Structures are given as C-alpha cells and as structure tokens.
Protein backbone atom coordinates (compact mmCIF):
# COMPACT_ATOMS: atom_id res chain seq x y z
CA MET A 1 -0.08 0.25 0.29
CA PRO A 2 1.34 2.71 -1.07
CA ALA A 3 2.73 5.80 1.99
CA TYR A 4 0.49 8.77 0.87
CA PHE A 5 -2.77 6.10 0.81
CA ARG A 6 -2.10 4.36 5.08
CA SER A 7 -0.86 7.81 5.74
CA PHE A 8 -4.51 9.16 4.20
CA HIS A 9 -6.08 6.01 5.45
CA SER A 10 -5.13 6.36 8.93
CA HIS A 11 -6.30 9.84 9.61
CA GLN A 12 -9.78 8.86 8.02
CA ASN A 13 -10.06 6.61 10.95
CA ALA A 14 -9.28 9.34 13.46
CA SER A 15 -11.49 11.64 12.13
CA THR A 16 -13.96 9.49 12.09
CA MET A 17 -12.88 7.88 15.56
CA LYS A 18 -13.37 11.56 16.98
CA ASN A 19 -16.64 12.41 15.04
CA PHE A 20 -18.06 9.68 16.68
CA LEU A 21 -16.34 9.73 20.16
CA SER A 22 -18.37 13.32 18.95
CA LEU A 23 -21.69 12.88 18.83
CA PHE A 24 -21.81 9.86 21.60
CA LEU A 25 -21.01 13.01 23.73
CA VAL A 26 -23.97 15.33 22.48
CA VAL A 27 -26.45 11.99 22.68
CA PHE A 28 -25.04 11.19 25.92
CA GLY A 29 -25.10 15.20 27.19
CA LEU A 30 -29.07 15.24 25.54
CA LEU A 31 -30.14 11.77 27.18
CA THR A 32 -28.82 13.12 30.55
CA PHE A 33 -30.17 16.73 30.04
CA THR A 34 -33.64 14.93 29.08
CA THR A 35 -33.72 13.02 32.39
CA SER A 36 -33.09 15.46 34.71
CA SER A 37 -35.38 17.99 32.66
CA LEU A 38 -38.50 15.60 33.53
CA GLN A 39 -37.36 15.01 36.50
CA ALA A 40 -37.67 19.45 37.34
CA MET A 41 -40.72 19.13 35.12
CA LYS A 42 -42.98 16.52 37.75
CA LEU A 43 -41.82 18.73 40.49
CA ALA A 44 -42.99 21.65 39.22
CA SER A 45 -46.02 20.24 38.46
CA ALA A 46 -46.27 18.76 42.14
CA ALA A 47 -47.43 22.48 43.33
CA THR A 48 -49.82 21.84 41.06
CA ASP A 49 -50.65 18.22 40.94
CA PHE A 50 -49.34 16.26 44.17
CA PRO A 51 -52.83 15.11 46.07
CA THR A 52 -54.17 15.99 48.96
CA SER A 53 -54.11 12.63 50.92
CA GLY A 54 -52.32 9.47 50.22
CA SER A 55 -49.10 6.56 51.77
CA ILE A 56 -46.39 6.40 51.95
CA GLY A 57 -45.36 2.57 51.30
CA PHE A 58 -43.30 0.88 52.76
CA ALA A 59 -40.72 -2.49 52.12
CA ILE A 60 -42.54 -5.79 54.93
CA GLN A 61 -40.93 -4.80 58.88
CA SER A 62 -38.51 -1.28 57.33
CA SER A 63 -38.39 1.63 57.91
CA SER A 64 -36.51 2.51 55.14
CA LEU A 65 -37.49 5.10 52.51
CA SER A 66 -37.75 3.78 49.30
CA ASN A 67 -36.25 5.80 45.88
CA ASP A 68 -40.26 6.20 45.48
CA ALA A 69 -41.14 6.96 48.08
CA LYS A 70 -38.71 10.04 48.38
CA LEU A 71 -39.73 11.21 45.05
CA GLN A 72 -43.27 11.20 46.67
CA LEU A 73 -41.59 13.20 49.37
CA GLN A 74 -40.12 16.05 47.22
CA GLN A 75 -43.56 15.90 45.76
CA MET A 76 -44.56 17.15 49.03
CA ALA A 77 -42.04 18.95 49.74
CA VAL A 78 -42.40 21.05 46.50
CA TYR A 79 -46.02 21.82 47.41
CA MET A 80 -45.40 22.56 50.69
CA GLN A 81 -42.38 25.09 49.73
CA ASN A 82 -45.66 27.41 47.96
CA ASN A 83 -48.31 26.36 50.16
CA THR A 84 -46.48 27.72 53.19
CA MET A 85 -49.30 28.00 55.04
CA ASN A 86 -51.13 24.12 55.64
CA ARG A 87 -49.83 21.11 57.23
CA VAL A 88 -49.17 17.40 56.86
CA ILE A 89 -51.33 14.97 58.96
CA ILE A 90 -49.00 11.73 58.51
CA LYS A 91 -50.00 9.07 60.37
CA GLY A 92 -49.52 5.80 61.25
CA HIS A 93 -50.96 2.00 62.47
CA GLY A 94 -50.16 0.44 65.42
CA GLY A 95 -52.89 -2.36 65.41
CA GLY A 96 -52.66 -1.99 69.18
CA ASP A 97 -49.55 -4.04 69.30
CA HIS A 98 -46.09 -2.62 70.69
CA ASN A 99 -43.45 -3.53 67.84
CA LEU A 100 -45.84 -2.54 64.88
CA GLU A 101 -46.66 0.83 66.76
CA GLN A 102 -42.40 0.87 66.62
CA LEU A 103 -42.17 0.13 63.51
CA ALA A 104 -44.78 2.88 62.26
CA GLN A 105 -43.03 5.61 64.90
CA ASP A 106 -39.87 4.82 63.09
CA ARG A 107 -41.66 5.24 59.84
CA MET A 108 -42.78 8.92 60.47
CA ASN A 109 -39.78 10.36 61.95
CA ASN A 110 -37.62 8.75 58.56
CA ILE A 111 -40.01 10.60 56.77
CA LEU A 112 -39.80 13.88 59.31
CA ASP A 113 -36.32 13.28 59.26
CA TYR A 114 -36.69 13.41 55.15
CA MET A 115 -38.08 16.28 55.20
CA SER A 116 -35.96 18.31 57.29
CA SER A 117 -32.95 17.53 57.14
CA THR A 118 -33.21 17.38 53.04
CA MET A 119 -36.06 19.25 51.16
CA HIS A 120 -35.70 21.66 54.40
CA ILE A 121 -39.90 21.58 55.95
CA ASP A 122 -39.79 22.76 59.33
CA ARG A 123 -41.18 19.72 61.57
CA THR A 124 -43.69 21.89 63.47
CA ARG A 125 -45.32 21.52 59.81
CA PHE A 126 -46.22 18.16 60.23
CA THR A 127 -48.55 16.85 62.92
CA TYR A 128 -48.22 12.75 62.95
CA SER A 129 -49.36 10.13 66.16
CA VAL A 130 -49.54 5.88 65.14
CA ASP A 131 -53.66 5.17 65.25
CA GLY A 132 -54.95 1.93 67.28
CA ASN A 133 -56.36 0.77 63.05
CA PRO A 134 -54.57 -2.73 61.39
CA PRO A 135 -50.86 -2.35 60.83
CA THR A 136 -50.66 -2.34 57.44
CA ASP A 137 -47.28 -1.02 55.43
CA VAL A 138 -47.93 2.70 55.00
CA ILE A 139 -47.60 6.30 57.00
CA ASP A 140 -50.83 7.76 55.24
CA TYR A 141 -50.56 11.55 54.79
CA GLN A 142 -53.90 14.52 54.31
CA VAL A 143 -53.00 18.09 53.72
CA ASP A 144 -54.34 20.16 56.77
CA ASN A 145 -54.75 23.87 55.35
CA SER A 146 -57.42 24.84 58.11
CA SER A 147 -54.54 26.72 59.14
CA HIS A 148 -56.00 29.70 56.31
C-alpha cells in the first residue's frame, strides 16, 4: 500500500473516531439533560398536581425510605413550599402491638427527618400519630389547610 494512502487512511480513521466520540457525547448529554429535565418538570408540577391525601409505602418490616417514597416526599415538599400555610398530618398504624407501633413511629420519624434535613421543611408543619387501626406497610398523609 502506498505511503500516502496509509497516511490518508489512518487520518480518516482518526477523524471518524473523533466524529463518533463527539456524536456520542452530544447524545449522552441530551439524554442526561432530558432525564434531569423530566424530573424537574415532575417536581414543578407537584405544586398543583400533588394529591392532598395519600399513602407513602414501605417495604415489609422496614422503616427505610425507598426511592419512590423519596420522590413522593420531594413532591410533597414542593407543594408545601408553594402553600406555606398548609400543614400535613401523617398517621401510622400499629394495631395495638408495641413492636408494630414502634415500626410505624420509626417510619414517621424517617419521613420527618427527610423532610426537615433534606427538603428543608420545618418539622412543626407536621402533626403525626400512631393509631390502633390494623397495621399496614404505609404511612398515610393528609394536607391540613384549616390554618388559612
């Protein structure tokens, strides 16, 4: 193979590789931007779309917040930041069993810790209790706007 062809050929490969990498970085950047933009749009719509009552789910016998629970709490935080007079009532269910009541209390504490330390919502905006209803793997919430 003539030297000029080898030189041209290797230059073509380097140029093609450079173009491929540039295209890859652009596509990856768009995907990253799109993913973060979608999450930001979801959170922004939470101010109007957030349900004023619902439940936050937990794994069986666990008080750890799942990613889904954290997303739900992030939406609650946006709602609360846009509705500063509203408070939220959270309620766990222990069924009268000491261990299950403690699990419900631990779950509520994790919710309150996440909302206050991560989302910067004052703990005084929450009212919480454990009732004697049959235990479930959710903590119920309801927006209390009676302070208006």
